[in-house]
Amino acid sequence: MNKKELARYVALDCGTSIQQAEEILNSILRNIAGAVSEGDVVEFVGFGSFEAKLRKKRKGFNLKTNEQIEIPARIVPVFRAGKKFKEQVNRKGG
């Protein structure tokens, strides 16, 4: 499912237009990304949480030259699924 398809489902569930649902979805995503980039944790109980984590510097290899390289530390976004979300996926996927 992509963002347009999700917006269509949201529009059907909420009785709004697809355009309004897309605007709401874009606002939600923009605000989640903004909060996480400022160091906040965005948590939806039962669904999961979004946060930023520091990935430490590490050693890697250049696959073309087989030389060892140092991969610098960086901050990466992380999503951790909540209990209810995991249970729902397990019921449908299992």
PDB file of N, CA and C in Angstrom:
ATOM      1  N   MET A   1       0.843  -1.169   0.000  1.00  0.00           N
ATOM      2  CA  MET A   1       0.000   0.000   0.000  1.00  0.00           C
ATOM      3  C   MET A   1       0.894   1.241   0.000  1.00  0.00           C
ATOM      4  N   ASN A   2       0.547   2.190  -0.821  1.00  0.00           N
ATOM      5  CA  ASN A   2       1.292   3.445  -0.833  1.00  0.00           C
ATOM      6  C   ASN A   2       0.455   4.554  -0.171  1.00  0.00           C
ATOM      7  N   LYS A   3       0.996   5.775  -0.151  1.00  0.00           N
ATOM      8  CA  LYS A   3       0.338   6.867   0.572  1.00  0.00           C
ATOM      9  C   LYS A   3      -1.013   7.228  -0.048  1.00  0.00           C
ATOM     10  N   LYS A   4      -1.118   7.209  -1.370  1.00  0.00           N
ATOM     11  CA  LYS A   4      -2.393   7.523  -2.019  1.00  0.00           C
ATOM     12  C   LYS A   4      -3.467   6.495  -1.678  1.00  0.00           C
ATOM     13  N   GLU A   5      -3.074   5.233  -1.661  1.00  0.00           N
ATOM     14  CA  GLU A   5      -4.023   4.184  -1.307  1.00  0.00           C
ATOM     15  C   GLU A   5      -4.472   4.328   0.148  1.00  0.00           C
ATOM     16  N   LEU A   6      -3.536   4.629   1.035  1.00  0.00           N
ATOM     17  CA  LEU A   6      -3.876   4.833   2.439  1.00  0.00           C
ATOM     18  C   LEU A   6      -4.830   6.011   2.586  1.00  0.00           C
ATOM     19  N   ALA A   7      -4.571   7.095   1.866  1.00  0.00           N
ATOM     20  CA  ALA A   7      -5.447   8.267   1.920  1.00  0.00           C
ATOM     21  C   ALA A   7      -6.857   7.912   1.458  1.00  0.00           C
ATOM     22  N   ARG A   8      -6.970   7.054   0.466  1.00  0.00           N
ATOM     23  CA  ARG A   8      -8.289   6.622  -0.019  1.00  0.00           C
ATOM     24  C   ARG A   8      -9.046   5.864   1.086  1.00  0.00           C
ATOM     25  N   TYR A   9      -8.341   4.959   1.789  1.00  0.00           N
ATOM     26  CA  TYR A   9      -8.964   4.222   2.890  1.00  0.00           C
ATOM     27  C   TYR A   9      -9.372   5.154   4.024  1.00  0.00           C
ATOM     28  N   VAL A  10      -8.511   6.118   4.348  1.00  0.00           N
ATOM     29  CA  VAL A  10      -8.827   7.087   5.403  1.00  0.00           C
ATOM     30  C   VAL A  10     -10.056   7.894   5.009  1.00  0.00           C
ATOM     31  N   ALA A  11     -10.125   8.315   3.751  1.00  0.00           N
ATOM     32  CA  ALA A  11     -11.274   9.088   3.268  1.00  0.00           C
ATOM     33  C   ALA A  11     -12.561   8.281   3.402  1.00  0.00           C
ATOM     34  N   LEU A  12     -12.503   7.008   3.043  1.00  0.00           N
ATOM     35  CA  LEU A  12     -13.694   6.150   3.162  1.00  0.00           C
ATOM     36  C   LEU A  12     -14.097   5.958   4.623  1.00  0.00           C
ATOM     37  N   ASP A  13     -13.118   5.722   5.494  1.00  0.00           N
ATOM     38  CA  ASP A  13     -13.407   5.508   6.914  1.00  0.00           C
ATOM     39  C   ASP A  13     -13.982   6.753   7.581  1.00  0.00           C
ATOM     40  N   CYS A  14     -13.485   7.919   7.191  1.00  0.00           N
ATOM     41  CA  CYS A  14     -13.853   9.160   7.880  1.00  0.00           C
ATOM     42  C   CYS A  14     -14.927   9.971   7.163  1.00  0.00           C
ATOM     43  N   GLY A  15     -15.311   9.534   5.964  1.00  0.00           N
ATOM     44  CA  GLY A  15     -16.340  10.272   5.224  1.00  0.00           C
ATOM     45  C   GLY A  15     -15.855  11.613   4.711  1.00  0.00           C
ATOM     46  N   THR A  16     -14.581  11.702   4.362  1.00  0.00           N
ATOM     47  CA  THR A  16     -14.028  12.940   3.815  1.00  0.00           C
ATOM     48  C   THR A  16     -13.611  12.696   2.368  1.00  0.00           C
ATOM     49  N   SER A  17     -13.165  13.752   1.715  1.00  0.00           N
ATOM     50  CA  SER A  17     -12.664  13.592   0.353  1.00  0.00           C
ATOM     51  C   SER A  17     -11.260  12.999   0.409  1.00  0.00           C
ATOM     52  N   ILE A  18     -10.843  12.417  -0.696  1.00  0.00           N
ATOM     53  CA  ILE A  18      -9.484  11.863  -0.773  1.00  0.00           C
ATOM     54  C   ILE A  18      -8.465  12.977  -0.607  1.00  0.00           C
ATOM     55  N   GLN A  19      -8.745  14.149  -1.182  1.00  0.00           N
ATOM     56  CA  GLN A  19      -7.826  15.289  -1.070  1.00  0.00           C
ATOM     57  C   GLN A  19      -7.661  15.714   0.388  1.00  0.00           C
ATOM     58  N   GLN A  20      -8.755  15.782   1.139  1.00  0.00           N
ATOM     59  CA  GLN A  20      -8.670  16.147   2.554  1.00  0.00           C
ATOM     60  C   GLN A  20      -7.889  15.090   3.334  1.00  0.00           C
ATOM     61  N   ALA A  21      -8.128  13.824   3.036  1.00  0.00           N
ATOM     62  CA  ALA A  21      -7.420  12.742   3.716  1.00  0.00           C
ATOM     63  C   ALA A  21      -5.923  12.809   3.418  1.00  0.00           C
ATOM     64  N   GLU A  22      -5.552  13.127   2.162  1.00  0.00           N
ATOM     65  CA  GLU A  22      -4.134  13.268   1.802  1.00  0.00           C
ATOM     66  C   GLU A  22      -3.493  14.411   2.576  1.00  0.00           C
ATOM     67  N   GLU A  23      -4.207  15.535   2.705  1.00  0.00           N
ATOM     68  CA  GLU A  23      -3.676  16.682   3.452  1.00  0.00           C
ATOM     69  C   GLU A  23      -3.461  16.320   4.916  1.00  0.00           C
ATOM     70  N   ILE A  24      -4.405  15.614   5.494  1.00  0.00           N
ATOM     71  CA  ILE A  24      -4.287  15.201   6.894  1.00  0.00           C
ATOM     72  C   ILE A  24      -3.131  14.227   7.056  1.00  0.00           C
ATOM     73  N   LEU A  25      -3.046  13.249   6.168  1.00  0.00           N
ATOM     74  CA  LEU A  25      -1.960  12.270   6.217  1.00  0.00           C
ATOM     75  C   LEU A  25      -0.603  12.948   6.060  1.00  0.00           C
ATOM     76  N   ASN A  26      -0.485  13.887   5.114  1.00  0.00           N
ATOM     77  CA  ASN A  26       0.766  14.624   4.931  1.00  0.00           C
ATOM     78  C   ASN A  26       1.134  15.411   6.184  1.00  0.00           C
ATOM     79  N   SER A  27       0.145  16.017   6.825  1.00  0.00           N
ATOM     80  CA  SER A  27       0.396  16.769   8.048  1.00  0.00           C
ATOM     81  C   SER A  27       0.889  15.846   9.162  1.00  0.00           C
ATOM     82  N   ILE A  28       0.258  14.690   9.310  1.00  0.00           N
ATOM     83  CA  ILE A  28       0.670  13.729  10.336  1.00  0.00           C
ATOM     84  C   ILE A  28       2.115  13.304  10.103  1.00  0.00           C
ATOM     85  N   LEU A  29       2.433  12.917   8.876  1.00  0.00           N
ATOM     86  CA  LEU A  29       3.791  12.460   8.569  1.00  0.00           C
ATOM     87  C   LEU A  29       4.827  13.563   8.767  1.00  0.00           C
ATOM     88  N   ARG A  30       4.480  14.779   8.339  1.00  0.00           N
ATOM     89  CA  ARG A  30       5.391  15.921   8.502  1.00  0.00           C
ATOM     90  C   ARG A  30       5.650  16.202   9.981  1.00  0.00           C
ATOM     91  N   ASN A  31       4.608  16.116  10.801  1.00  0.00           N
ATOM     92  CA  ASN A  31       4.761  16.383  12.230  1.00  0.00           C
ATOM     93  C   ASN A  31       5.514  15.277  12.953  1.00  0.00           C
ATOM     94  N   ILE A  32       5.317  14.030  12.548  1.00  0.00           N
ATOM     95  CA  ILE A  32       6.095  12.932  13.125  1.00  0.00           C
ATOM     96  C   ILE A  32       7.569  13.126  12.803  1.00  0.00           C
ATOM     97  N   ALA A  33       7.881  13.387  11.532  1.00  0.00           N
ATOM     98  CA  ALA A  33       9.276  13.576  11.124  1.00  0.00           C
ATOM     99  C   ALA A  33       9.901  14.777  11.836  1.00  0.00           C
ATOM    100  N   GLY A  34       9.141  15.855  11.974  1.00  0.00           N
ATOM    101  CA  GLY A  34       9.653  17.038  12.659  1.00  0.00           C
ATOM    102  C   GLY A  34       9.958  16.772  14.117  1.00  0.00           C
ATOM    103  N   ALA A  35       9.053  16.086  14.793  1.00  0.00           N
ATOM    104  CA  ALA A  35       9.261  15.785  16.213  1.00  0.00           C
ATOM    105  C   ALA A  35      10.452  14.857  16.412  1.00  0.00           C
ATOM    106  N   VAL A  36      10.560  13.823  15.588  1.00  0.00           N
ATOM    107  CA  VAL A  36      11.675  12.873  15.710  1.00  0.00           C
ATOM    108  C   VAL A  36      12.995  13.571  15.409  1.00  0.00           C
ATOM    109  N   SER A  37      13.007  14.466  14.413  1.00  0.00           N
ATOM    110  CA  SER A  37      14.251  15.165  14.081  1.00  0.00           C
ATOM    111  C   SER A  37      14.696  16.105  15.194  1.00  0.00           C
ATOM    112  N   GLU A  38      13.760  16.511  16.067  1.00  0.00           N
ATOM    113  CA  GLU A  38      14.099  17.358  17.212  1.00  0.00           C
ATOM    114  C   GLU A  38      14.434  16.542  18.458  1.00  0.00           C
ATOM    115  N   GLY A  39      14.433  15.212  18.320  1.00  0.00           N
ATOM    116  CA  GLY A  39      14.809  14.363  19.438  1.00  0.00           C
ATOM    117  C   GLY A  39      13.651  13.814  20.253  1.00  0.00           C
ATOM    118  N   ASP A  40      12.421  14.137  19.869  1.00  0.00           N
ATOM    119  CA  ASP A  40      11.259  13.626  20.587  1.00  0.00           C
ATOM    120  C   ASP A  40      10.944  12.189  20.166  1.00  0.00           C
ATOM    121  N   VAL A  41      10.254  11.480  21.031  1.00  0.00           N
ATOM    122  CA  VAL A  41       9.722  10.161  20.707  1.00  0.00           C
ATOM    123  C   VAL A  41       8.236  10.352  20.445  1.00  0.00           C
ATOM    124  N   VAL A  42       7.767   9.838  19.313  1.00  0.00           N
ATOM    125  CA  VAL A  42       6.345   9.909  18.979  1.00  0.00           C
ATOM    126  C   VAL A  42       5.777   8.514  19.198  1.00  0.00           C
ATOM    127  N   GLU A  43       4.847   8.406  20.146  1.00  0.00           N
ATOM    128  CA  GLU A  43       4.349   7.093  20.533  1.00  0.00           C
ATOM    129  C   GLU A  43       2.841   7.009  20.352  1.00  0.00           C
ATOM    130  N   PHE A  44       2.407   5.946  19.692  1.00  0.00           N
ATOM    131  CA  PHE A  44       0.996   5.625  19.560  1.00  0.00           C
ATOM    132  C   PHE A  44       0.794   4.312  20.303  1.00  0.00           C
ATOM    133  N   VAL A  45       0.183   4.383  21.476  1.00  0.00           N
ATOM    134  CA  VAL A  45       0.030   3.206  22.335  1.00  0.00           C
ATOM    135  C   VAL A  45      -0.657   2.084  21.553  1.00  0.00           C
ATOM    136  N   GLY A  46      -0.044   0.917  21.579  1.00  0.00           N
ATOM    137  CA  GLY A  46      -0.572  -0.240  20.879  1.00  0.00           C
ATOM    138  C   GLY A  46      -0.078  -0.362  19.451  1.00  0.00           C
ATOM    139  N   PHE A  47       0.220   0.770  18.805  1.00  0.00           N
ATOM    140  CA  PHE A  47       0.682   0.744  17.416  1.00  0.00           C
ATOM    141  C   PHE A  47       2.199   0.706  17.344  1.00  0.00           C
ATOM    142  N   GLY A  48       2.848   1.668  17.989  1.00  0.00           N
ATOM    143  CA  GLY A  48       4.307   1.695  17.981  1.00  0.00           C
ATOM    144  C   GLY A  48       4.839   3.088  18.239  1.00  0.00           C
ATOM    145  N   SER A  49       6.163   3.206  18.142  1.00  0.00           N
ATOM    146  CA  SER A  49       6.794   4.499  18.402  1.00  0.00           C
ATOM    147  C   SER A  49       7.880   4.784  17.372  1.00  0.00           C
ATOM    148  N   PHE A  50       8.052   6.072  17.128  1.00  0.00           N
ATOM    149  CA  PHE A  50       9.075   6.568  16.218  1.00  0.00           C
ATOM    150  C   PHE A  50      10.073   7.358  17.046  1.00  0.00           C
ATOM    151  N   GLU A  51      11.348   7.145  16.799  1.00  0.00           N
ATOM    152  CA  GLU A  51      12.380   7.913  17.500  1.00  0.00           C
ATOM    153  C   GLU A  51      13.658   7.933  16.688  1.00  0.00           C
ATOM    154  N   ALA A  52      14.589   8.777  17.108  1.00  0.00           N
ATOM    155  CA  ALA A  52      15.902   8.861  16.467  1.00  0.00           C
ATOM    156  C   ALA A  52      16.917   8.170  17.366  1.00  0.00           C
ATOM    157  N   LYS A  53      17.782   7.391  16.770  1.00  0.00           N
ATOM    158  CA  LYS A  53      18.837   6.686  17.512  1.00  0.00           C
ATOM    159  C   LYS A  53      20.184   7.018  16.887  1.00  0.00           C
ATOM    160  N   LEU A  54      21.200   7.053  17.732  1.00  0.00           N
ATOM    161  CA  LEU A  54      22.565   7.269  17.245  1.00  0.00           C
ATOM    162  C   LEU A  54      23.151   5.932  16.827  1.00  0.00           C
ATOM    163  N   ARG A  55      23.572   5.846  15.590  1.00  0.00           N
ATOM    164  CA  ARG A  55      24.285   4.657  15.119  1.00  0.00           C
ATOM    165  C   ARG A  55      25.767   4.986  15.217  1.00  0.00           C
ATOM    166  N   LYS A  56      26.499   4.221  16.026  1.00  0.00           N
ATOM    167  CA  LYS A  56      27.911   4.485  16.259  1.00  0.00           C
ATOM    168  C   LYS A  56      28.730   4.285  14.988  1.00  0.00           C
ATOM    169  N   LYS A  57      29.904   4.928  14.968  1.00  0.00           N
ATOM    170  CA  LYS A  57      30.785   4.701  13.827  1.00  0.00           C
ATOM    171  C   LYS A  57      31.225   3.239  13.845  1.00  0.00           C
ATOM    172  N   ARG A  58      31.468   2.711  12.660  1.00  0.00           N
ATOM    173  CA  ARG A  58      31.852   1.309  12.564  1.00  0.00           C
ATOM    174  C   ARG A  58      32.733   1.096  11.354  1.00  0.00           C
ATOM    175  N   LYS A  59      33.325  -0.053  11.302  1.00  0.00           N
ATOM    176  CA  LYS A  59      34.187  -0.384  10.170  1.00  0.00           C
ATOM    177  C   LYS A  59      33.383  -1.173   9.147  1.00  0.00           C
ATOM    178  N   GLY A  60      33.687  -0.926   7.900  1.00  0.00           N
ATOM    179  CA  GLY A  60      33.030  -1.626   6.805  1.00  0.00           C
ATOM    180  C   GLY A  60      34.050  -1.891   5.714  1.00  0.00           C
ATOM    181  N   PHE A  61      33.579  -2.409   4.600  1.00  0.00           N
ATOM    182  CA  PHE A  61      34.471  -2.704   3.482  1.00  0.00           C
ATOM    183  C   PHE A  61      33.919  -2.108   2.206  1.00  0.00           C
ATOM    184  N   ASN A  62      34.825  -1.560   1.398  1.00  0.00           N
ATOM    185  CA  ASN A  62      34.487  -1.134   0.051  1.00  0.00           C
ATOM    186  C   ASN A  62      34.460  -2.407  -0.783  1.00  0.00           C
ATOM    187  N   LEU A  63      33.301  -2.772  -1.286  1.00  0.00           N
ATOM    188  CA  LEU A  63      33.162  -4.037  -1.991  1.00  0.00           C
ATOM    189  C   LEU A  63      33.941  -4.075  -3.311  1.00  0.00           C
ATOM    190  N   LYS A  64      34.193  -2.922  -3.923  1.00  0.00           N
ATOM    191  CA  LYS A  64      34.938  -2.890  -5.182  1.00  0.00           C
ATOM    192  C   LYS A  64      36.428  -3.116  -4.964  1.00  0.00           C
ATOM    193  N   THR A  65      36.966  -2.490  -3.904  1.00  0.00           N
ATOM    194  CA  THR A  65      38.417  -2.570  -3.683  1.00  0.00           C
ATOM    195  C   THR A  65      38.778  -3.493  -2.523  1.00  0.00           C
ATOM    196  N   ASN A  66      37.787  -3.921  -1.787  1.00  0.00           N
ATOM    197  CA  ASN A  66      37.973  -4.752  -0.606  1.00  0.00           C
ATOM    198  C   ASN A  66      38.784  -4.054   0.487  1.00  0.00           C
ATOM    199  N   GLU A  67      38.840  -2.714   0.418  1.00  0.00           N
ATOM    200  CA  GLU A  67      39.531  -1.930   1.438  1.00  0.00           C
ATOM    201  C   GLU A  67      38.622  -1.738   2.640  1.00  0.00           C
ATOM    202  N   GLN A  68      39.228  -1.701   3.804  1.00  0.00           N
ATOM    203  CA  GLN A  68      38.460  -1.419   5.014  1.00  0.00           C
ATOM    204  C   GLN A  68      38.236   0.089   5.080  1.00  0.00           C
ATOM    205  N   ILE A  69      37.003   0.491   5.392  1.00  0.00           N
ATOM    206  CA  ILE A  69      36.671   1.906   5.518  1.00  0.00           C
ATOM    207  C   ILE A  69      35.972   2.134   6.849  1.00  0.00           C
ATOM    208  N   GLU A  70      35.960   3.389   7.282  1.00  0.00           N
ATOM    209  CA  GLU A  70      35.251   3.733   8.503  1.00  0.00           C
ATOM    210  C   GLU A  70      33.940   4.400   8.121  1.00  0.00           C
ATOM    211  N   ILE A  71      32.839   3.857   8.605  1.00  0.00           N
ATOM    212  CA  ILE A  71      31.526   4.435   8.362  1.00  0.00           C
ATOM    213  C   ILE A  71      31.231   5.361   9.534  1.00  0.00           C
ATOM    214  N   PRO A  72      31.006   6.651   9.255  1.00  0.00           N
ATOM    215  CA  PRO A  72      30.837   7.604  10.352  1.00  0.00           C
ATOM    216  C   PRO A  72      29.548   7.386  11.150  1.00  0.00           C
ATOM    217  N   ALA A  73      29.551   7.876  12.374  1.00  0.00           N
ATOM    218  CA  ALA A  73      28.355   7.830  13.217  1.00  0.00           C
ATOM    219  C   ALA A  73      27.294   8.717  12.585  1.00  0.00           C
ATOM    220  N   ARG A  74      26.038   8.346  12.801  1.00  0.00           N
ATOM    221  CA  ARG A  74      24.946   9.184  12.301  1.00  0.00           C
ATOM    222  C   ARG A  74      23.667   8.868  13.062  1.00  0.00           C
ATOM    223  N   ILE A  75      22.721   9.756  12.952  1.00  0.00           N
ATOM    224  CA  ILE A  75      21.437   9.575  13.604  1.00  0.00           C
ATOM    225  C   ILE A  75      20.468   8.999  12.576  1.00  0.00           C
ATOM    226  N   VAL A  76      19.751   7.939  12.968  1.00  0.00           N
ATOM    227  CA  VAL A  76      18.818   7.280  12.059  1.00  0.00           C
ATOM    228  C   VAL A  76      17.430   7.205  12.697  1.00  0.00           C
ATOM    229  N   PRO A  77      16.376   7.308  11.875  1.00  0.00           N
ATOM    230  CA  PRO A  77      15.027   7.130  12.414  1.00  0.00           C
ATOM    231  C   PRO A  77      14.748   5.653  12.648  1.00  0.00           C
ATOM    232  N   VAL A  78      14.003   5.370  13.726  1.00  0.00           N
ATOM    233  CA  VAL A  78      13.687   3.985  14.094  1.00  0.00           C
ATOM    234  C   VAL A  78      12.196   3.900  14.422  1.00  0.00           C
ATOM    235  N   PHE A  79      11.562   2.833  13.939  1.00  0.00           N
ATOM    236  CA  PHE A  79      10.171   2.550  14.321  1.00  0.00           C
ATOM    237  C   PHE A  79      10.170   1.254  15.097  1.00  0.00           C
ATOM    238  N   ARG A  80       9.520   1.270  16.251  1.00  0.00           N
ATOM    239  CA  ARG A  80       9.384   0.069  17.062  1.00  0.00           C
ATOM    240  C   ARG A  80       7.896  -0.265  17.151  1.00  0.00           C
ATOM    241  N   ALA A  81       7.508  -1.429  16.643  1.00  0.00           N
ATOM    242  CA  ALA A  81       6.104  -1.824  16.638  1.00  0.00           C
ATOM    243  C   ALA A  81       5.613  -2.096  18.049  1.00  0.00           C
ATOM    244  N   GLY A  82       4.369  -1.706  18.319  1.00  0.00           N
ATOM    245  CA  GLY A  82       3.748  -1.946  19.613  1.00  0.00           C
ATOM    246  C   GLY A  82       3.151  -3.336  19.700  1.00  0.00           C
ATOM    247  N   LYS A  83       2.766  -3.704  20.889  1.00  0.00           N
ATOM    248  CA  LYS A  83       2.275  -5.053  21.170  1.00  0.00           C
ATOM    249  C   LYS A  83       1.033  -5.402  20.339  1.00  0.00           C
ATOM    250  N   LYS A  84       0.032  -4.528  20.323  1.00  0.00           N
ATOM    251  CA  LYS A  84      -1.195  -4.820  19.584  1.00  0.00           C
ATOM    252  C   LYS A  84      -0.926  -4.935  18.084  1.00  0.00           C
ATOM    253  N   PHE A  85      -0.043  -4.089  17.565  1.00  0.00           N
ATOM    254  CA  PHE A  85       0.311  -4.126  16.149  1.00  0.00           C
ATOM    255  C   PHE A  85       0.986  -5.454  15.815  1.00  0.00           C
ATOM    256  N   LYS A  86       1.918  -5.865  16.656  1.00  0.00           N
ATOM    257  CA  LYS A  86       2.603  -7.144  16.444  1.00  0.00           C
ATOM    258  C   LYS A  86       1.617  -8.304  16.489  1.00  0.00           C
ATOM    259  N   GLU A  87       0.694  -8.260  17.450  1.00  0.00           N
ATOM    260  CA  GLU A  87      -0.293  -9.334  17.566  1.00  0.00           C
ATOM    261  C   GLU A  87      -1.193  -9.404  16.331  1.00  0.00           C
ATOM    262  N   GLN A  88      -1.601  -8.241  15.819  1.00  0.00           N
ATOM    263  CA  GLN A  88      -2.459  -8.221  14.637  1.00  0.00           C
ATOM    264  C   GLN A  88      -1.722  -8.768  13.416  1.00  0.00           C
ATOM    265  N   VAL A  89      -0.485  -8.380  13.240  1.00  0.00           N
ATOM    266  CA  VAL A  89       0.308  -8.873  12.111  1.00  0.00           C
ATOM    267  C   VAL A  89       0.523 -10.380  12.243  1.00  0.00           C
ATOM    268  N   ASN A  90       0.753 -10.840  13.459  1.00  0.00           N
ATOM    269  CA  ASN A  90       0.983 -12.268  13.681  1.00  0.00           C
ATOM    270  C   ASN A  90      -0.274 -13.077  13.362  1.00  0.00           C
ATOM    271  N   ARG A  91      -1.440 -12.565  13.725  1.00  0.00           N
ATOM    272  CA  ARG A  91      -2.699 -13.276  13.423  1.00  0.00           C
ATOM    273  C   ARG A  91      -2.952 -13.350  11.927  1.00  0.00           C
ATOM    274  N   LYS A  92      -2.724 -12.232  11.215  1.00  0.00           N
ATOM    275  CA  LYS A  92      -2.985 -12.190   9.771  1.00  0.00           C
ATOM    276  C   LYS A  92      -1.917 -12.906   8.976  1.00  0.00           C
ATOM    277  N   GLY A  93      -0.669 -12.786   9.431  1.00  0.00           N
ATOM    278  CA  GLY A  93       0.461 -13.343   8.668  1.00  0.00           C
ATOM    279  C   GLY A  93       0.754 -14.795   8.976  1.00  0.00           C
ATOM    280  N   GLY A  94       0.224 -15.319  10.075  1.00  0.00           N
ATOM    281  CA  GLY A  94       0.578 -16.658  10.506  1.00  0.00           C
ATOM    282  C   GLY A  94      -0.399 -17.660  10.063  1.00  0.00           C
TER     283      GLY A  94
END
